[in-house]
Amino acid sequence: MKLILIGQNPKVCRAGFQWSDMAQMICFYQGSSALDPIKNNPALELKKDILLRQYHEISSVFEGKNEWLDDSKKHYYGLCVIPNKSP
């Protein structure tokens, strides 16, 4: 699973999400899927550079730790976006 959406807004049920919809729900992006909102979500535009830097720092650490581990023992990382909170 790449993306977990949590929300109570009726727009969550409609087909065809827009990046502006993401401001209305909690989103958890796992692994490399975290790059999608960092690059595309208008609400994260002001923090884009720092989020990209943090993502690359975190991903390189975990990829190194996971290199020789079985899938069931790997460490996971991601990005949680909560409306009106810091990502």
PDB file of N, CA and C in Angstrom:
ATOM      1  N   MET A   1       0.848  -1.176   0.000  1.00  0.00           N
ATOM      2  CA  MET A   1       0.000   0.000   0.000  1.00  0.00           C
ATOM      3  C   MET A   1       0.891   1.235   0.000  1.00  0.00           C
ATOM      4  N   LYS A   2       0.595   2.165  -0.869  1.00  0.00           N
ATOM      5  CA  LYS A   2       1.405   3.369  -0.986  1.00  0.00           C
ATOM      6  C   LYS A   2       0.822   4.547  -0.237  1.00  0.00           C
ATOM      7  N   LEU A   3      -0.495   4.627  -0.124  1.00  0.00           N
ATOM      8  CA  LEU A   3      -1.125   5.821   0.411  1.00  0.00           C
ATOM      9  C   LEU A   3      -2.290   5.436   1.298  1.00  0.00           C
ATOM     10  N   ILE A   4      -2.360   6.065   2.457  1.00  0.00           N
ATOM     11  CA  ILE A   4      -3.490   5.872   3.363  1.00  0.00           C
ATOM     12  C   ILE A   4      -4.179   7.217   3.496  1.00  0.00           C
ATOM     13  N   LEU A   5      -5.473   7.273   3.220  1.00  0.00           N
ATOM     14  CA  LEU A   5      -6.261   8.498   3.352  1.00  0.00           C
ATOM     15  C   LEU A   5      -7.213   8.353   4.521  1.00  0.00           C
ATOM     16  N   ILE A   6      -7.288   9.376   5.353  1.00  0.00           N
ATOM     17  CA  ILE A   6      -8.221   9.367   6.470  1.00  0.00           C
ATOM     18  C   ILE A   6      -9.000  10.670   6.380  1.00  0.00           C
ATOM     19  N   GLY A   7     -10.326  10.585   6.289  1.00  0.00           N
ATOM     20  CA  GLY A   7     -11.082  11.824   6.186  1.00  0.00           C
ATOM     21  C   GLY A   7     -12.554  11.626   6.426  1.00  0.00           C
ATOM     22  N   GLN A   8     -13.246  12.711   6.723  1.00  0.00           N
ATOM     23  CA  GLN A   8     -14.681  12.676   6.930  1.00  0.00           C
ATOM     24  C   GLN A   8     -15.412  13.562   5.932  1.00  0.00           C
ATOM     25  N   ASN A   9     -14.680  14.142   5.031  1.00  0.00           N
ATOM     26  CA  ASN A   9     -15.277  15.019   4.042  1.00  0.00           C
ATOM     27  C   ASN A   9     -15.910  14.172   2.939  1.00  0.00           C
ATOM     28  N   PRO A  10     -17.140  14.467   2.510  1.00  0.00           N
ATOM     29  CA  PRO A  10     -17.777  13.674   1.450  1.00  0.00           C
ATOM     30  C   PRO A  10     -17.005  13.675   0.138  1.00  0.00           C
ATOM     31  N   LYS A  11     -16.156  14.679  -0.080  1.00  0.00           N
ATOM     32  CA  LYS A  11     -15.371  14.718  -1.305  1.00  0.00           C
ATOM     33  C   LYS A  11     -14.371  13.572  -1.380  1.00  0.00           C
ATOM     34  N   VAL A  12     -14.053  12.955  -0.232  1.00  0.00           N
ATOM     35  CA  VAL A  12     -13.103  11.850  -0.216  1.00  0.00           C
ATOM     36  C   VAL A  12     -13.623  10.685  -1.058  1.00  0.00           C
ATOM     37  N   CYS A  13     -14.936  10.521  -1.121  1.00  0.00           N
ATOM     38  CA  CYS A  13     -15.537   9.385  -1.826  1.00  0.00           C
ATOM     39  C   CYS A  13     -15.615   9.576  -3.332  1.00  0.00           C
ATOM     40  N   ARG A  14     -15.424  10.776  -3.817  1.00  0.00           N
ATOM     41  CA  ARG A  14     -15.581  10.990  -5.246  1.00  0.00           C
ATOM     42  C   ARG A  14     -14.375  10.463  -6.016  1.00  0.00           C
ATOM     43  N   ALA A  15     -14.595  10.149  -7.238  1.00  0.00           N
ATOM     44  CA  ALA A  15     -13.505   9.651  -8.083  1.00  0.00           C
ATOM     45  C   ALA A  15     -12.683  10.831  -8.586  1.00  0.00           C
ATOM     46  N   GLY A  16     -11.400  10.616  -8.759  1.00  0.00           N
ATOM     47  CA  GLY A  16     -10.534  11.637  -9.332  1.00  0.00           C
ATOM     48  C   GLY A  16     -10.099  12.700  -8.349  1.00  0.00           C
ATOM     49  N   PHE A  17      -9.155  12.364  -7.479  1.00  0.00           N
ATOM     50  CA  PHE A  17      -8.654  13.332  -6.506  1.00  0.00           C
ATOM     51  C   PHE A  17      -7.893  14.452  -7.188  1.00  0.00           C
ATOM     52  N   GLN A  18      -7.958  15.615  -6.605  1.00  0.00           N
ATOM     53  CA  GLN A  18      -7.167  16.765  -7.020  1.00  0.00           C
ATOM     54  C   GLN A  18      -6.249  17.098  -5.843  1.00  0.00           C
ATOM     55  N   TRP A  19      -5.118  17.726  -6.110  1.00  0.00           N
ATOM     56  CA  TRP A  19      -4.208  18.058  -5.010  1.00  0.00           C
ATOM     57  C   TRP A  19      -4.871  18.996  -4.020  1.00  0.00           C
ATOM     58  N   SER A  20      -5.792  19.841  -4.461  1.00  0.00           N
ATOM     59  CA  SER A  20      -6.471  20.744  -3.536  1.00  0.00           C
ATOM     60  C   SER A  20      -7.352  19.974  -2.550  1.00  0.00           C
ATOM     61  N   ASP A  21      -7.796  18.771  -2.922  1.00  0.00           N
ATOM     62  CA  ASP A  21      -8.596  17.942  -2.018  1.00  0.00           C
ATOM     63  C   ASP A  21      -7.774  17.460  -0.832  1.00  0.00           C
ATOM     64  N   MET A  22      -6.479  17.337  -1.021  1.00  0.00           N
ATOM     65  CA  MET A  22      -5.631  16.786   0.025  1.00  0.00           C
ATOM     66  C   MET A  22      -5.582  17.679   1.264  1.00  0.00           C
ATOM     67  N   ALA A  23      -5.926  18.948   1.125  1.00  0.00           N
ATOM     68  CA  ALA A  23      -5.936  19.854   2.270  1.00  0.00           C
ATOM     69  C   ALA A  23      -7.106  19.557   3.206  1.00  0.00           C
ATOM     70  N   GLN A  24      -8.012  18.686   2.786  1.00  0.00           N
ATOM     71  CA  GLN A  24      -9.200  18.391   3.572  1.00  0.00           C
ATOM     72  C   GLN A  24      -9.138  17.038   4.263  1.00  0.00           C
ATOM     73  N   MET A  25      -8.008  16.354   4.201  1.00  0.00           N
ATOM     74  CA  MET A  25      -7.928  15.026   4.815  1.00  0.00           C
ATOM     75  C   MET A  25      -6.508  14.739   5.273  1.00  0.00           C
ATOM     76  N   ILE A  26      -6.383  13.810   6.190  1.00  0.00           N
ATOM     77  CA  ILE A  26      -5.083  13.366   6.656  1.00  0.00           C
ATOM     78  C   ILE A  26      -4.568  12.331   5.665  1.00  0.00           C
ATOM     79  N   CYS A  27      -3.319  12.474   5.256  1.00  0.00           N
ATOM     80  CA  CYS A  27      -2.727  11.550   4.300  1.00  0.00           C
ATOM     81  C   CYS A  27      -1.409  11.020   4.856  1.00  0.00           C
ATOM     82  N   PHE A  28      -1.170   9.738   4.679  1.00  0.00           N
ATOM     83  CA  PHE A  28       0.118   9.146   5.023  1.00  0.00           C
ATOM     84  C   PHE A  28       0.679   8.507   3.761  1.00  0.00           C
ATOM     85  N   TYR A  29       1.820   8.999   3.325  1.00  0.00           N
ATOM     86  CA  TYR A  29       2.481   8.502   2.127  1.00  0.00           C
ATOM     87  C   TYR A  29       3.659   7.655   2.563  1.00  0.00           C
ATOM     88  N   GLN A  30       3.718   6.436   2.102  1.00  0.00           N
ATOM     89  CA  GLN A  30       4.774   5.515   2.505  1.00  0.00           C
ATOM     90  C   GLN A  30       5.893   5.481   1.480  1.00  0.00           C
ATOM     91  N   GLY A  31       7.133   5.534   1.982  1.00  0.00           N
ATOM     92  CA  GLY A  31       8.297   5.411   1.119  1.00  0.00           C
ATOM     93  C   GLY A  31       8.355   6.459   0.035  1.00  0.00           C
ATOM     94  N   SER A  32       8.662   6.024  -1.186  1.00  0.00           N
ATOM     95  CA  SER A  32       8.870   6.966  -2.289  1.00  0.00           C
ATOM     96  C   SER A  32       7.595   7.685  -2.718  1.00  0.00           C
ATOM     97  N   SER A  33       6.420   7.203  -2.308  1.00  0.00           N
ATOM     98  CA  SER A  33       5.185   7.922  -2.656  1.00  0.00           C
ATOM     99  C   SER A  33       5.132   9.282  -1.960  1.00  0.00           C
ATOM    100  N   ALA A  34       5.961   9.495  -0.936  1.00  0.00           N
ATOM    101  CA  ALA A  34       6.011  10.793  -0.249  1.00  0.00           C
ATOM    102  C   ALA A  34       6.499  11.902  -1.181  1.00  0.00           C
ATOM    103  N   LEU A  35       7.209  11.546  -2.230  1.00  0.00           N
ATOM    104  CA  LEU A  35       7.690  12.564  -3.174  1.00  0.00           C
ATOM    105  C   LEU A  35       6.547  13.212  -3.945  1.00  0.00           C
ATOM    106  N   ASP A  36       5.450  12.479  -4.172  1.00  0.00           N
ATOM    107  CA  ASP A  36       4.320  13.026  -4.936  1.00  0.00           C
ATOM    108  C   ASP A  36       3.730  14.280  -4.290  1.00  0.00           C
ATOM    109  N   PRO A  37       3.334  14.239  -3.007  1.00  0.00           N
ATOM    110  CA  PRO A  37       2.771  15.466  -2.427  1.00  0.00           C
ATOM    111  C   PRO A  37       3.813  16.565  -2.233  1.00  0.00           C
ATOM    112  N   ILE A  38       5.047  16.188  -1.935  1.00  0.00           N
ATOM    113  CA  ILE A  38       6.094  17.197  -1.760  1.00  0.00           C
ATOM    114  C   ILE A  38       6.252  18.002  -3.043  1.00  0.00           C
ATOM    115  N   LYS A  39       6.187  17.338  -4.178  1.00  0.00           N
ATOM    116  CA  LYS A  39       6.386  18.009  -5.466  1.00  0.00           C
ATOM    117  C   LYS A  39       5.115  18.638  -6.029  1.00  0.00           C
ATOM    118  N   ASN A  40       3.933  18.133  -5.644  1.00  0.00           N
ATOM    119  CA  ASN A  40       2.697  18.546  -6.314  1.00  0.00           C
ATOM    120  C   ASN A  40       1.657  19.248  -5.454  1.00  0.00           C
ATOM    121  N   ASN A  41       1.679  19.072  -4.144  1.00  0.00           N
ATOM    122  CA  ASN A  41       0.636  19.635  -3.291  1.00  0.00           C
ATOM    123  C   ASN A  41       0.911  21.119  -3.046  1.00  0.00           C
ATOM    124  N   PRO A  42       0.000  22.004  -3.466  1.00  0.00           N
ATOM    125  CA  PRO A  42       0.219  23.444  -3.279  1.00  0.00           C
ATOM    126  C   PRO A  42       0.410  23.836  -1.814  1.00  0.00           C
ATOM    127  N   ALA A  43      -0.214  23.107  -0.887  1.00  0.00           N
ATOM    128  CA  ALA A  43      -0.099  23.436   0.531  1.00  0.00           C
ATOM    129  C   ALA A  43       1.318  23.205   1.058  1.00  0.00           C
ATOM    130  N   LEU A  44       2.113  22.394   0.378  1.00  0.00           N
ATOM    131  CA  LEU A  44       3.471  22.107   0.823  1.00  0.00           C
ATOM    132  C   LEU A  44       4.528  22.906   0.058  1.00  0.00           C
ATOM    133  N   GLU A  45       4.090  23.774  -0.844  1.00  0.00           N
ATOM    134  CA  GLU A  45       5.015  24.502  -1.706  1.00  0.00           C
ATOM    135  C   GLU A  45       6.073  25.278  -0.930  1.00  0.00           C
ATOM    136  N   LEU A  46       5.690  25.949   0.150  1.00  0.00           N
ATOM    137  CA  LEU A  46       6.640  26.755   0.911  1.00  0.00           C
ATOM    138  C   LEU A  46       7.697  25.921   1.629  1.00  0.00           C
ATOM    139  N   LYS A  47       7.389  24.664   1.894  1.00  0.00           N
ATOM    140  CA  LYS A  47       8.327  23.783   2.594  1.00  0.00           C
ATOM    141  C   LYS A  47       8.968  22.756   1.667  1.00  0.00           C
ATOM    142  N   LYS A  48       8.771  22.915   0.387  1.00  0.00           N
ATOM    143  CA  LYS A  48       9.202  21.916  -0.592  1.00  0.00           C
ATOM    144  C   LYS A  48      10.691  21.588  -0.468  1.00  0.00           C
ATOM    145  N   ASP A  49      11.555  22.591  -0.430  1.00  0.00           N
ATOM    146  CA  ASP A  49      12.996  22.348  -0.389  1.00  0.00           C
ATOM    147  C   ASP A  49      13.421  21.592   0.861  1.00  0.00           C
ATOM    148  N   ILE A  50      12.921  22.024   2.014  1.00  0.00           N
ATOM    149  CA  ILE A  50      13.305  21.355   3.256  1.00  0.00           C
ATOM    150  C   ILE A  50      12.728  19.943   3.330  1.00  0.00           C
ATOM    151  N   LEU A  51      11.503  19.756   2.836  1.00  0.00           N
ATOM    152  CA  LEU A  51      10.902  18.419   2.842  1.00  0.00           C
ATOM    153  C   LEU A  51      11.648  17.469   1.914  1.00  0.00           C
ATOM    154  N   LEU A  52      12.061  17.956   0.757  1.00  0.00           N
ATOM    155  CA  LEU A  52      12.842  17.112  -0.156  1.00  0.00           C
ATOM    156  C   LEU A  52      14.176  16.721   0.468  1.00  0.00           C
ATOM    157  N   ARG A  53      14.839  17.680   1.104  1.00  0.00           N
ATOM    158  CA  ARG A  53      16.108  17.380   1.760  1.00  0.00           C
ATOM    159  C   ARG A  53      15.919  16.348   2.878  1.00  0.00           C
ATOM    160  N   GLN A  54      14.884  16.550   3.714  1.00  0.00           N
ATOM    161  CA  GLN A  54      14.606  15.607   4.798  1.00  0.00           C
ATOM    162  C   GLN A  54      14.253  14.225   4.248  1.00  0.00           C
ATOM    163  N   TYR A  55      13.456  14.193   3.184  1.00  0.00           N
ATOM    164  CA  TYR A  55      13.092  12.904   2.588  1.00  0.00           C
ATOM    165  C   TYR A  55      14.344  12.145   2.138  1.00  0.00           C
ATOM    166  N   HIS A  56      15.243  12.820   1.436  1.00  0.00           N
ATOM    167  CA  HIS A  56      16.441  12.149   0.923  1.00  0.00           C
ATOM    168  C   HIS A  56      17.360  11.690   2.056  1.00  0.00           C
ATOM    169  N   GLU A  57      17.454  12.468   3.129  1.00  0.00           N
ATOM    170  CA  GLU A  57      18.246  12.062   4.283  1.00  0.00           C
ATOM    171  C   GLU A  57      17.657  10.808   4.933  1.00  0.00           C
ATOM    172  N   ILE A  58      16.358  10.835   5.153  1.00  0.00           N
ATOM    173  CA  ILE A  58      15.684   9.707   5.805  1.00  0.00           C
ATOM    174  C   ILE A  58      15.715   8.465   4.920  1.00  0.00           C
ATOM    175  N   SER A  59      15.410   8.630   3.637  1.00  0.00           N
ATOM    176  CA  SER A  59      15.357   7.470   2.742  1.00  0.00           C
ATOM    177  C   SER A  59      16.722   6.799   2.623  1.00  0.00           C
ATOM    178  N   SER A  60      17.792   7.583   2.573  1.00  0.00           N
ATOM    179  CA  SER A  60      19.119   6.961   2.442  1.00  0.00           C
ATOM    180  C   SER A  60      19.484   6.166   3.690  1.00  0.00           C
ATOM    181  N   VAL A  61      19.088   6.651   4.860  1.00  0.00           N
ATOM    182  CA  VAL A  61      19.351   5.903   6.105  1.00  0.00           C
ATOM    183  C   VAL A  61      18.590   4.583   6.105  1.00  0.00           C
ATOM    184  N   PHE A  62      17.300   4.648   5.799  1.00  0.00           N
ATOM    185  CA  PHE A  62      16.487   3.435   5.856  1.00  0.00           C
ATOM    186  C   PHE A  62      16.807   2.452   4.733  1.00  0.00           C
ATOM    187  N   GLU A  63      17.132   2.959   3.557  1.00  0.00           N
ATOM    188  CA  GLU A  63      17.515   2.054   2.474  1.00  0.00           C
ATOM    189  C   GLU A  63      18.785   1.296   2.837  1.00  0.00           C
ATOM    190  N   GLY A  64      19.718   1.974   3.518  1.00  0.00           N
ATOM    191  CA  GLY A  64      20.928   1.298   3.982  1.00  0.00           C
ATOM    192  C   GLY A  64      20.624   0.242   5.035  1.00  0.00           C
ATOM    193  N   LYS A  65      19.736   0.557   5.965  1.00  0.00           N
ATOM    194  CA  LYS A  65      19.362  -0.407   7.010  1.00  0.00           C
ATOM    195  C   LYS A  65      18.603  -1.598   6.425  1.00  0.00           C
ATOM    196  N   ASN A  66      17.810  -1.350   5.377  1.00  0.00           N
ATOM    197  CA  ASN A  66      16.958  -2.398   4.799  1.00  0.00           C
ATOM    198  C   ASN A  66      17.662  -3.278   3.772  1.00  0.00           C
ATOM    199  N   GLU A  67      18.840  -2.889   3.367  1.00  0.00           N
ATOM    200  CA  GLU A  67      19.492  -3.540   2.233  1.00  0.00           C
ATOM    201  C   GLU A  67      19.538  -5.064   2.345  1.00  0.00           C
ATOM    202  N   TRP A  68      19.860  -5.589   3.499  1.00  0.00           N
ATOM    203  CA  TRP A  68      20.025  -7.042   3.651  1.00  0.00           C
ATOM    204  C   TRP A  68      18.910  -7.681   4.470  1.00  0.00           C
ATOM    205  N   LEU A  69      17.852  -6.948   4.753  1.00  0.00           N
ATOM    206  CA  LEU A  69      16.758  -7.493   5.564  1.00  0.00           C
ATOM    207  C   LEU A  69      15.684  -8.151   4.703  1.00  0.00           C
ATOM    208  N   ASP A  70      15.045  -9.174   5.263  1.00  0.00           N
ATOM    209  CA  ASP A  70      13.876  -9.767   4.610  1.00  0.00           C
ATOM    210  C   ASP A  70      12.750  -8.730   4.601  1.00  0.00           C
ATOM    211  N   ASP A  71      11.819  -8.879   3.660  1.00  0.00           N
ATOM    212  CA  ASP A  71      10.713  -7.926   3.557  1.00  0.00           C
ATOM    213  C   ASP A  71       9.936  -7.791   4.862  1.00  0.00           C
ATOM    214  N   SER A  72       9.767  -8.863   5.599  1.00  0.00           N
ATOM    215  CA  SER A  72       8.986  -8.834   6.839  1.00  0.00           C
ATOM    216  C   SER A  72       9.710  -8.092   7.968  1.00  0.00           C
ATOM    217  N   LYS A  73      10.992  -7.795   7.793  1.00  0.00           N
ATOM    218  CA  LYS A  73      11.759  -7.139   8.850  1.00  0.00           C
ATOM    219  C   LYS A  73      12.225  -5.736   8.476  1.00  0.00           C
ATOM    220  N   LYS A  74      11.828  -5.254   7.315  1.00  0.00           N
ATOM    221  CA  LYS A  74      12.302  -3.953   6.854  1.00  0.00           C
ATOM    222  C   LYS A  74      11.673  -2.799   7.639  1.00  0.00           C
ATOM    223  N   HIS A  75      12.414  -1.708   7.722  1.00  0.00           N
ATOM    224  CA  HIS A  75      11.948  -0.484   8.351  1.00  0.00           C
ATOM    225  C   HIS A  75      11.204   0.336   7.302  1.00  0.00           C
ATOM    226  N   TYR A  76      10.122   0.993   7.712  1.00  0.00           N
ATOM    227  CA  TYR A  76       9.339   1.803   6.795  1.00  0.00           C
ATOM    228  C   TYR A  76       9.393   3.263   7.213  1.00  0.00           C
ATOM    229  N   TYR A  77       9.277   4.149   6.266  1.00  0.00           N
ATOM    230  CA  TYR A  77       9.277   5.578   6.521  1.00  0.00           C
ATOM    231  C   TYR A  77       8.248   6.221   5.602  1.00  0.00           C
ATOM    232  N   GLY A  78       7.837   7.427   5.945  1.00  0.00           N
ATOM    233  CA  GLY A  78       6.856   8.090   5.102  1.00  0.00           C
ATOM    234  C   GLY A  78       6.640   9.535   5.507  1.00  0.00           C
ATOM    235  N   LEU A  79       5.606  10.122   4.952  1.00  0.00           N
ATOM    236  CA  LEU A  79       5.231  11.504   5.207  1.00  0.00           C
ATOM    237  C   LEU A  79       3.770  11.526   5.620  1.00  0.00           C
ATOM    238  N   CYS A  80       3.489  12.190   6.729  1.00  0.00           N
ATOM    239  CA  CYS A  80       2.111  12.349   7.177  1.00  0.00           C
ATOM    240  C   CYS A  80       1.737  13.820   7.008  1.00  0.00           C
ATOM    241  N   VAL A  81       0.659  14.081   6.264  1.00  0.00           N
ATOM    242  CA  VAL A  81       0.181  15.441   6.038  1.00  0.00           C
ATOM    243  C   VAL A  81      -1.168  15.576   6.735  1.00  0.00           C
ATOM    244  N   ILE A  82      -1.223  16.497   7.704  1.00  0.00           N
ATOM    245  CA  ILE A  82      -2.443  16.758   8.466  1.00  0.00           C
ATOM    246  C   ILE A  82      -2.816  18.215   8.223  1.00  0.00           C
ATOM    247  N   PRO A  83      -4.065  18.481   7.824  1.00  0.00           N
ATOM    248  CA  PRO A  83      -4.449  19.873   7.549  1.00  0.00           C
ATOM    249  C   PRO A  83      -4.125  20.799   8.714  1.00  0.00           C
ATOM    250  N   ASN A  84      -3.559  21.949   8.411  1.00  0.00           N
ATOM    251  CA  ASN A  84      -3.222  22.989   9.369  1.00  0.00           C
ATOM    252  C   ASN A  84      -2.135  22.583  10.365  1.00  0.00           C
ATOM    253  N   LYS A  85      -1.370  21.560  10.045  1.00  0.00           N
ATOM    254  CA  LYS A  85      -0.255  21.132  10.892  1.00  0.00           C
ATOM    255  C   LYS A  85       0.996  21.056  10.035  1.00  0.00           C
ATOM    256  N   SER A  86       2.152  20.995  10.668  1.00  0.00           N
ATOM    257  CA  SER A  86       3.396  20.841   9.918  1.00  0.00           C
ATOM    258  C   SER A  86       3.522  19.416   9.414  1.00  0.00           C
ATOM    259  N   PRO A  87       3.921  19.238   8.139  1.00  0.00           N
ATOM    260  CA  PRO A  87       4.104  17.868   7.628  1.00  0.00           C
ATOM    261  C   PRO A  87       5.299  17.211   8.295  1.00  0.00           C
TER     262      PRO A  87
END
